[in-house]
């Protein structure tokens, strides 16, 4: 009886694992849901929503370059007023590059202290996800984006302002309002840069409950200013 040599079974080729694609963000109103603005999609906080933060004792430094120009730096930790909803927001370690264009109104209180108000706009130039080593756009692309933003801001500043007058607490006040064109839908604008008596007042915002301005000490006055701007536009 002859012997037979059993052949080893052929090795099966391991199936290549396909990289799992990240799940597409769902459509809806949640933080990570896909939303649309001016025909472009985005995720994150919905347009019109607001954040409120508290800043720790920070380190603000400034160096005079020309009689009117100063270089500034500010380093601080900001903390949310309240808590973020569970599972919302970006991953810890995510970074952002913002450009801030703002009015800083300062009043000397004594030889060492000044009150400070800061109102304006911040514009996102780029971001870096926590799991990546690179930013979302190059330095050159960020500069190009910033130049476009500057041109839009210059166009806004060169527009003819809405002039208005208001009688409040037996005082006649005159002011100007420039629309923040990014807030406009057709001919209707929902935010205005407002100055009264040549002093910058802040950004006036129209909401479902009326005209508002962050940190305004007199909400009734702000509502009256909004009504005066409405009247000036429609007259």
C-alpha atoms as a PDB file:
ATOM      1  CA  UNK A   1       0.000   0.000   0.000  1.00  0.00           C
ATOM      2  CA  UNK A   2       1.592   3.138  -1.142  1.00  0.00           C
ATOM      3  CA  UNK A   3       1.790   6.187   1.002  1.00  0.00           C
ATOM      4  CA  UNK A   4       0.391   9.572  -0.025  1.00  0.00           C
ATOM      5  CA  UNK A   5       1.675  12.896   1.125  1.00  0.00           C
ATOM      6  CA  UNK A   6      -1.083  15.216   2.189  1.00  0.00           C
ATOM      7  CA  UNK A   7      -0.813  18.671   0.669  1.00  0.00           C
ATOM      8  CA  UNK A   8      -1.103  21.652   2.911  1.00  0.00           C
ATOM      9  CA  UNK A   9      -4.225  23.598   2.227  1.00  0.00           C
ATOM     10  CA  UNK A  10      -3.533  26.759   0.209  1.00  0.00           C
ATOM     11  CA  UNK A  11      -3.467  29.905   2.277  1.00  0.00           C
ATOM     12  CA  UNK A  12      -6.374  32.165   1.624  1.00  0.00           C
ATOM     13  CA  UNK A  13      -5.398  35.671   0.703  1.00  0.00           C
ATOM     14  CA  UNK A  14      -6.467  38.056   3.387  1.00  0.00           C
ATOM     15  CA  UNK A  15      -9.127  40.417   2.161  1.00  0.00           C
ATOM     16  CA  UNK A  16      -7.945  44.011   2.042  1.00  0.00           C
ATOM     17  CA  UNK A  17      -9.580  46.084   4.669  1.00  0.00           C
ATOM     18  CA  UNK A  18     -11.234  49.103   3.211  1.00  0.00           C
ATOM     19  CA  UNK A  19     -10.694  52.316   5.086  1.00  0.00           C
ATOM     20  CA  UNK A  20     -13.877  53.261   6.800  1.00  0.00           C
ATOM     21  CA  UNK A  21     -15.124  56.588   5.563  1.00  0.00           C
ATOM     22  CA  UNK A  22     -16.296  59.004   8.208  1.00  0.00           C
ATOM     23  CA  UNK A  23     -20.035  59.147   8.441  1.00  0.00           C
ATOM     24  CA  UNK A  24     -21.552  62.143   6.745  1.00  0.00           C
ATOM     25  CA  UNK A  25     -22.930  64.759   9.085  1.00  0.00           C
ATOM     26  CA  UNK A  26     -26.722  64.580   9.257  1.00  0.00           C
ATOM     27  CA  UNK A  27     -28.915  67.422   8.089  1.00  0.00           C
ATOM     28  CA  UNK A  28     -30.735  69.307  10.804  1.00  0.00           C
ATOM     29  CA  UNK A  29     -30.248  71.879  13.525  1.00  0.00           C
ATOM     30  CA  UNK A  30     -27.733  70.164  15.844  1.00  0.00           C
ATOM     31  CA  UNK A  31     -24.143  71.402  16.224  1.00  0.00           C
ATOM     32  CA  UNK A  32     -22.667  68.771  13.897  1.00  0.00           C
ATOM     33  CA  UNK A  33     -25.572  68.806  11.440  1.00  0.00           C
ATOM     34  CA  UNK A  34     -25.068  70.147   7.906  1.00  0.00           C
ATOM     35  CA  UNK A  35     -26.564  73.603   7.450  1.00  0.00           C
ATOM     36  CA  UNK A  36     -26.649  76.099   4.582  1.00  0.00           C
ATOM     37  CA  UNK A  37     -25.881  79.816   4.292  1.00  0.00           C
ATOM     38  CA  UNK A  38     -25.826  81.743   1.002  1.00  0.00           C
ATOM     39  CA  UNK A  39     -25.893  78.456  -0.906  1.00  0.00           C
ATOM     40  CA  UNK A  40     -22.856  77.038   0.934  1.00  0.00           C
ATOM     41  CA  UNK A  41     -22.979  74.253   3.489  1.00  0.00           C
ATOM     42  CA  UNK A  42     -21.382  74.431   6.925  1.00  0.00           C
ATOM     43  CA  UNK A  43     -21.445  72.645  10.264  1.00  0.00           C
ATOM     44  CA  UNK A  44     -21.134  73.932  13.790  1.00  0.00           C
ATOM     45  CA  UNK A  45     -23.101  76.545  15.658  1.00  0.00           C
ATOM     46  CA  UNK A  46     -26.180  77.812  13.800  1.00  0.00           C
ATOM     47  CA  UNK A  47     -26.103  81.374  12.468  1.00  0.00           C
ATOM     48  CA  UNK A  48     -27.846  83.730  14.880  1.00  0.00           C
ATOM     49  CA  UNK A  49     -26.876  81.785  18.028  1.00  0.00           C
ATOM     50  CA  UNK A  50     -24.574  83.345  20.634  1.00  0.00           C
ATOM     51  CA  UNK A  51     -21.833  82.384  23.074  1.00  0.00           C
ATOM     52  CA  UNK A  52     -21.102  83.983  26.426  1.00  0.00           C
ATOM     53  CA  UNK A  53     -17.638  83.650  27.998  1.00  0.00           C
ATOM     54  CA  UNK A  54     -15.834  84.731  31.139  1.00  0.00           C
ATOM     55  CA  UNK A  55     -12.136  85.626  30.848  1.00  0.00           C
ATOM     56  CA  UNK A  56      -9.584  84.913  33.562  1.00  0.00           C
ATOM     57  CA  UNK A  57      -7.131  87.599  34.661  1.00  0.00           C
ATOM     58  CA  UNK A  58      -5.263  88.016  31.375  1.00  0.00           C
ATOM     59  CA  UNK A  59      -1.974  89.516  30.249  1.00  0.00           C
ATOM     60  CA  UNK A  60      -2.507  92.429  27.825  1.00  0.00           C
ATOM     61  CA  UNK A  61       0.644  94.070  26.475  1.00  0.00           C
ATOM     62  CA  UNK A  62       1.014  96.906  23.979  1.00  0.00           C
ATOM     63  CA  UNK A  63       3.901  98.694  22.289  1.00  0.00           C
ATOM     64  CA  UNK A  64       3.647 102.053  20.540  1.00  0.00           C
ATOM     65  CA  UNK A  65       4.777 101.983  16.887  1.00  0.00           C
ATOM     66  CA  UNK A  66       3.553 105.382  15.648  1.00  0.00           C
ATOM     67  CA  UNK A  67       1.565 108.198  17.353  1.00  0.00           C
ATOM     68  CA  UNK A  68      -1.663 106.361  16.435  1.00  0.00           C
ATOM     69  CA  UNK A  69      -0.585 102.728  15.977  1.00  0.00           C
ATOM     70  CA  UNK A  70       0.124 100.176  18.696  1.00  0.00           C
ATOM     71  CA  UNK A  71       1.116  96.518  18.560  1.00  0.00           C
ATOM     72  CA  UNK A  72      -0.902  94.426  21.039  1.00  0.00           C
ATOM     73  CA  UNK A  73      -0.842  90.916  22.490  1.00  0.00           C
ATOM     74  CA  UNK A  74      -3.298  89.251  24.867  1.00  0.00           C
ATOM     75  CA  UNK A  75      -2.964  85.867  26.547  1.00  0.00           C
ATOM     76  CA  UNK A  76      -5.744  84.420  28.702  1.00  0.00           C
ATOM     77  CA  UNK A  77      -8.031  81.434  29.283  1.00  0.00           C
ATOM     78  CA  UNK A  78     -11.699  82.012  28.540  1.00  0.00           C
ATOM     79  CA  UNK A  79     -14.382  79.920  30.212  1.00  0.00           C
ATOM     80  CA  UNK A  80     -17.903  79.205  29.038  1.00  0.00           C
ATOM     81  CA  UNK A  81     -20.754  80.758  31.015  1.00  0.00           C
ATOM     82  CA  UNK A  82     -22.594  77.519  31.702  1.00  0.00           C
ATOM     83  CA  UNK A  83     -21.753  74.169  30.129  1.00  0.00           C
ATOM     84  CA  UNK A  84     -21.672  72.860  26.565  1.00  0.00           C
ATOM     85  CA  UNK A  85     -24.349  70.233  25.750  1.00  0.00           C
ATOM     86  CA  UNK A  86     -22.986  66.700  26.049  1.00  0.00           C
ATOM     87  CA  UNK A  87     -21.460  65.500  22.779  1.00  0.00           C
ATOM     88  CA  UNK A  88     -21.567  68.899  21.086  1.00  0.00           C
ATOM     89  CA  UNK A  89     -18.720  70.979  19.782  1.00  0.00           C
ATOM     90  CA  UNK A  90     -15.338  70.133  18.297  1.00  0.00           C
ATOM     91  CA  UNK A  91     -12.769  67.742  19.742  1.00  0.00           C
ATOM     92  CA  UNK A  92     -10.444  68.895  22.501  1.00  0.00           C
ATOM     93  CA  UNK A  93      -7.229  70.168  20.913  1.00  0.00           C
ATOM     94  CA  UNK A  94      -8.907  71.822  17.912  1.00  0.00           C
ATOM     95  CA  UNK A  95      -7.364  75.199  17.095  1.00  0.00           C
ATOM     96  CA  UNK A  96      -8.673  78.308  15.330  1.00  0.00           C
ATOM     97  CA  UNK A  97      -7.096  81.366  13.719  1.00  0.00           C
ATOM     98  CA  UNK A  98      -9.389  84.394  13.990  1.00  0.00           C
ATOM     99  CA  UNK A  99      -8.835  87.956  12.806  1.00  0.00           C
ATOM    100  CA  UNK A 100     -10.481  90.536  15.063  1.00  0.00           C
ATOM    101  CA  UNK A 101     -11.628  93.938  13.789  1.00  0.00           C
ATOM    102  CA  UNK A 102     -13.019  95.884  16.705  1.00  0.00           C
ATOM    103  CA  UNK A 103     -13.594  99.198  18.452  1.00  0.00           C
ATOM    104  CA  UNK A 104     -12.027  99.549  21.888  1.00  0.00           C
ATOM    105  CA  UNK A 105     -13.621 102.340  23.903  1.00  0.00           C
ATOM    106  CA  UNK A 106     -11.541 103.280  26.951  1.00  0.00           C
ATOM    107  CA  UNK A 107     -12.214 105.713  29.803  1.00  0.00           C
ATOM    108  CA  UNK A 108      -9.677 106.676  32.470  1.00  0.00           C
ATOM    109  CA  UNK A 109     -11.062 106.081  35.954  1.00  0.00           C
ATOM    110  CA  UNK A 110      -7.992 107.028  37.999  1.00  0.00           C
ATOM    111  CA  UNK A 111      -4.220 107.128  37.559  1.00  0.00           C
ATOM    112  CA  UNK A 112      -3.985 103.328  37.249  1.00  0.00           C
ATOM    113  CA  UNK A 113      -7.389 102.075  36.086  1.00  0.00           C
ATOM    114  CA  UNK A 114      -9.361 102.293  32.835  1.00  0.00           C
ATOM    115  CA  UNK A 115     -12.760 100.924  31.876  1.00  0.00           C
ATOM    116  CA  UNK A 116     -12.663  99.058  28.556  1.00  0.00           C
ATOM    117  CA  UNK A 117     -15.375  98.115  26.056  1.00  0.00           C
ATOM    118  CA  UNK A 118     -14.602  96.016  22.964  1.00  0.00           C
ATOM    119  CA  UNK A 119     -17.138  95.589  20.150  1.00  0.00           C
ATOM    120  CA  UNK A 120     -16.605  94.444  16.592  1.00  0.00           C
ATOM    121  CA  UNK A 121     -16.248  91.423  14.359  1.00  0.00           C
ATOM    122  CA  UNK A 122     -14.059  88.331  14.341  1.00  0.00           C
ATOM    123  CA  UNK A 123     -13.419  86.455  11.109  1.00  0.00           C
ATOM    124  CA  UNK A 124     -12.193  82.866  10.823  1.00  0.00           C
ATOM    125  CA  UNK A 125      -9.117  82.489   8.628  1.00  0.00           C
ATOM    126  CA  UNK A 126      -8.306  78.834   9.313  1.00  0.00           C
ATOM    127  CA  UNK A 127      -8.627  75.919  11.728  1.00  0.00           C
ATOM    128  CA  UNK A 128      -6.650  72.827  12.674  1.00  0.00           C
ATOM    129  CA  UNK A 129      -8.432  69.642  13.673  1.00  0.00           C
ATOM    130  CA  UNK A 130      -7.205  67.852  16.776  1.00  0.00           C
ATOM    131  CA  UNK A 131      -6.285  64.710  14.790  1.00  0.00           C
ATOM    132  CA  UNK A 132      -4.295  66.579  12.125  1.00  0.00           C
ATOM    133  CA  UNK A 133      -0.893  68.226  12.023  1.00  0.00           C
ATOM    134  CA  UNK A 134      -1.748  70.772   9.323  1.00  0.00           C
ATOM    135  CA  UNK A 135      -4.031  73.781   9.151  1.00  0.00           C
ATOM    136  CA  UNK A 136      -7.054  73.952   6.854  1.00  0.00           C
ATOM    137  CA  UNK A 137      -5.352  76.474   4.552  1.00  0.00           C
ATOM    138  CA  UNK A 138      -1.865  77.774   3.839  1.00  0.00           C
ATOM    139  CA  UNK A 139      -0.547  81.123   5.088  1.00  0.00           C
ATOM    140  CA  UNK A 140      -0.853  82.504   1.551  1.00  0.00           C
ATOM    141  CA  UNK A 141      -4.485  81.386   1.316  1.00  0.00           C
ATOM    142  CA  UNK A 142      -5.212  82.923   4.704  1.00  0.00           C
ATOM    143  CA  UNK A 143      -3.738  86.268   3.587  1.00  0.00           C
ATOM    144  CA  UNK A 144      -5.846  86.151   0.413  1.00  0.00           C
ATOM    145  CA  UNK A 145      -8.957  85.473   2.492  1.00  0.00           C
ATOM    146  CA  UNK A 146      -8.079  88.354   4.827  1.00  0.00           C
ATOM    147  CA  UNK A 147      -7.566  90.773   1.911  1.00  0.00           C
ATOM    148  CA  UNK A 148     -11.043  89.853   0.623  1.00  0.00           C
ATOM    149  CA  UNK A 149     -12.470  90.491   4.098  1.00  0.00           C
ATOM    150  CA  UNK A 150     -10.712  93.887   4.290  1.00  0.00           C
ATOM    151  CA  UNK A 151     -12.140  94.893   0.907  1.00  0.00           C
ATOM    152  CA  UNK A 152     -15.637  93.987   2.063  1.00  0.00           C
ATOM    153  CA  UNK A 153     -15.141  96.002   5.262  1.00  0.00           C
ATOM    154  CA  UNK A 154     -13.835  98.996   3.284  1.00  0.00           C
ATOM    155  CA  UNK A 155     -16.891  98.809   1.019  1.00  0.00           C
ATOM    156  CA  UNK A 156     -19.115  98.832   4.108  1.00  0.00           C
ATOM    157  CA  UNK A 157     -17.309 101.854   5.570  1.00  0.00           C
ATOM    158  CA  UNK A 158     -17.630 103.772   2.300  1.00  0.00           C
ATOM    159  CA  UNK A 159     -21.398 103.298   2.157  1.00  0.00           C
ATOM    160  CA  UNK A 160     -23.617 106.249   2.960  1.00  0.00           C
ATOM    161  CA  UNK A 161     -24.711 105.778   6.577  1.00  0.00           C
ATOM    162  CA  UNK A 162     -28.282 105.899   7.802  1.00  0.00           C
ATOM    163  CA  UNK A 163     -28.613 109.177   9.703  1.00  0.00           C
ATOM    164  CA  UNK A 164     -31.193 109.450  12.456  1.00  0.00           C
ATOM    165  CA  UNK A 165     -32.190 111.516  15.452  1.00  0.00           C
ATOM    166  CA  UNK A 166     -33.799 110.413  18.670  1.00  0.00           C
ATOM    167  CA  UNK A 167     -35.437 112.196  21.589  1.00  0.00           C
ATOM    168  CA  UNK A 168     -34.742 110.271  24.763  1.00  0.00           C
ATOM    169  CA  UNK A 169     -35.200 111.536  28.307  1.00  0.00           C
ATOM    170  CA  UNK A 170     -35.647 115.113  27.044  1.00  0.00           C
ATOM    171  CA  UNK A 171     -32.414 114.991  25.035  1.00  0.00           C
ATOM    172  CA  UNK A 172     -32.130 115.227  21.250  1.00  0.00           C
ATOM    173  CA  UNK A 173     -29.417 112.882  20.009  1.00  0.00           C
ATOM    174  CA  UNK A 174     -28.104 112.498  16.461  1.00  0.00           C
ATOM    175  CA  UNK A 175     -26.486 109.364  15.166  1.00  0.00           C
ATOM    176  CA  UNK A 176     -25.316 107.280  12.236  1.00  0.00           C
ATOM    177  CA  UNK A 177     -25.776 103.600  11.472  1.00  0.00           C
ATOM    178  CA  UNK A 178     -23.794 101.502   8.996  1.00  0.00           C
ATOM    179  CA  UNK A 179     -25.249  98.117   8.069  1.00  0.00           C
ATOM    180  CA  UNK A 180     -23.129  95.027   8.605  1.00  0.00           C
ATOM    181  CA  UNK A 181     -23.771  93.767   5.070  1.00  0.00           C
ATOM    182  CA  UNK A 182     -23.049  90.135   5.986  1.00  0.00           C
ATOM    183  CA  UNK A 183     -26.248  90.293   8.084  1.00  0.00           C
ATOM    184  CA  UNK A 184     -28.403  91.604   5.228  1.00  0.00           C
ATOM    185  CA  UNK A 185     -31.027  89.599   3.354  1.00  0.00           C
ATOM    186  CA  UNK A 186     -32.026  91.598   0.302  1.00  0.00           C
ATOM    187  CA  UNK A 187     -32.778  95.124   1.490  1.00  0.00           C
ATOM    188  CA  UNK A 188     -33.300  94.053   5.091  1.00  0.00           C
ATOM    189  CA  UNK A 189     -30.279  94.299   7.405  1.00  0.00           C
ATOM    190  CA  UNK A 190     -30.316  92.855  10.899  1.00  0.00           C
ATOM    191  CA  UNK A 191     -27.122  94.339  12.340  1.00  0.00           C
ATOM    192  CA  UNK A 192     -25.774  97.917  12.329  1.00  0.00           C
ATOM    193  CA  UNK A 193     -22.616  99.624  13.584  1.00  0.00           C
ATOM    194  CA  UNK A 194     -24.016 102.608  15.498  1.00  0.00           C
ATOM    195  CA  UNK A 195     -22.439 105.899  16.575  1.00  0.00           C
ATOM    196  CA  UNK A 196     -24.245 108.629  18.521  1.00  0.00           C
ATOM    197  CA  UNK A 197     -22.756 112.082  19.042  1.00  0.00           C
ATOM    198  CA  UNK A 198     -19.592 110.916  17.217  1.00  0.00           C
ATOM    199  CA  UNK A 199     -19.038 108.183  19.842  1.00  0.00           C
ATOM    200  CA  UNK A 200     -19.089 104.561  18.739  1.00  0.00           C
ATOM    201  CA  UNK A 201     -21.952 102.872  20.590  1.00  0.00           C
ATOM    202  CA  UNK A 202     -21.677  99.248  19.431  1.00  0.00           C
ATOM    203  CA  UNK A 203     -23.347  96.736  17.128  1.00  0.00           C
ATOM    204  CA  UNK A 204     -27.132  96.907  17.136  1.00  0.00           C
ATOM    205  CA  UNK A 205     -28.856  93.582  16.406  1.00  0.00           C
ATOM    206  CA  UNK A 206     -32.455  92.843  15.489  1.00  0.00           C
ATOM    207  CA  UNK A 207     -33.874  89.716  17.133  1.00  0.00           C
ATOM    208  CA  UNK A 208     -37.358  88.240  17.482  1.00  0.00           C
ATOM    209  CA  UNK A 209     -37.842  90.210  20.695  1.00  0.00           C
ATOM    210  CA  UNK A 210     -36.672  93.520  19.222  1.00  0.00           C
ATOM    211  CA  UNK A 211     -33.444  95.511  18.964  1.00  0.00           C
ATOM    212  CA  UNK A 212     -30.581  94.412  21.214  1.00  0.00           C
ATOM    213  CA  UNK A 213     -26.985  95.392  21.976  1.00  0.00           C
ATOM    214  CA  UNK A 214     -24.688  93.247  24.114  1.00  0.00           C
ATOM    215  CA  UNK A 215     -23.815  94.707  27.537  1.00  0.00           C
ATOM    216  CA  UNK A 216     -26.019  97.777  26.987  1.00  0.00           C
ATOM    217  CA  UNK A 217     -26.862  99.368  30.364  1.00  0.00           C
ATOM    218  CA  UNK A 218     -30.221 100.726  29.109  1.00  0.00           C
ATOM    219  CA  UNK A 219     -32.154  98.243  26.893  1.00  0.00           C
ATOM    220  CA  UNK A 220     -35.018 100.739  26.419  1.00  0.00           C
ATOM    221  CA  UNK A 221     -32.603 103.250  24.907  1.00  0.00           C
ATOM    222  CA  UNK A 222     -31.272 100.590  22.504  1.00  0.00           C
ATOM    223  CA  UNK A 223     -34.803  99.696  21.421  1.00  0.00           C
ATOM    224  CA  UNK A 224     -35.521 103.397  20.812  1.00  0.00           C
ATOM    225  CA  UNK A 225     -32.365 103.695  18.686  1.00  0.00           C
ATOM    226  CA  UNK A 226     -33.446 100.694  16.615  1.00  0.00           C
ATOM    227  CA  UNK A 227     -36.899 102.206  16.055  1.00  0.00           C
ATOM    228  CA  UNK A 228     -35.307 105.517  15.016  1.00  0.00           C
ATOM    229  CA  UNK A 229     -33.129 103.701  12.441  1.00  0.00           C
ATOM    230  CA  UNK A 230     -36.193 101.868  11.114  1.00  0.00           C
ATOM    231  CA  UNK A 231     -38.030 105.193  10.744  1.00  0.00           C
ATOM    232  CA  UNK A 232     -35.064 106.793   8.964  1.00  0.00           C
ATOM    233  CA  UNK A 233     -34.836 103.914   6.486  1.00  0.00           C
ATOM    234  CA  UNK A 234     -38.538 103.941   5.607  1.00  0.00           C
ATOM    235  CA  UNK A 235     -38.925 107.745   5.456  1.00  0.00           C
END
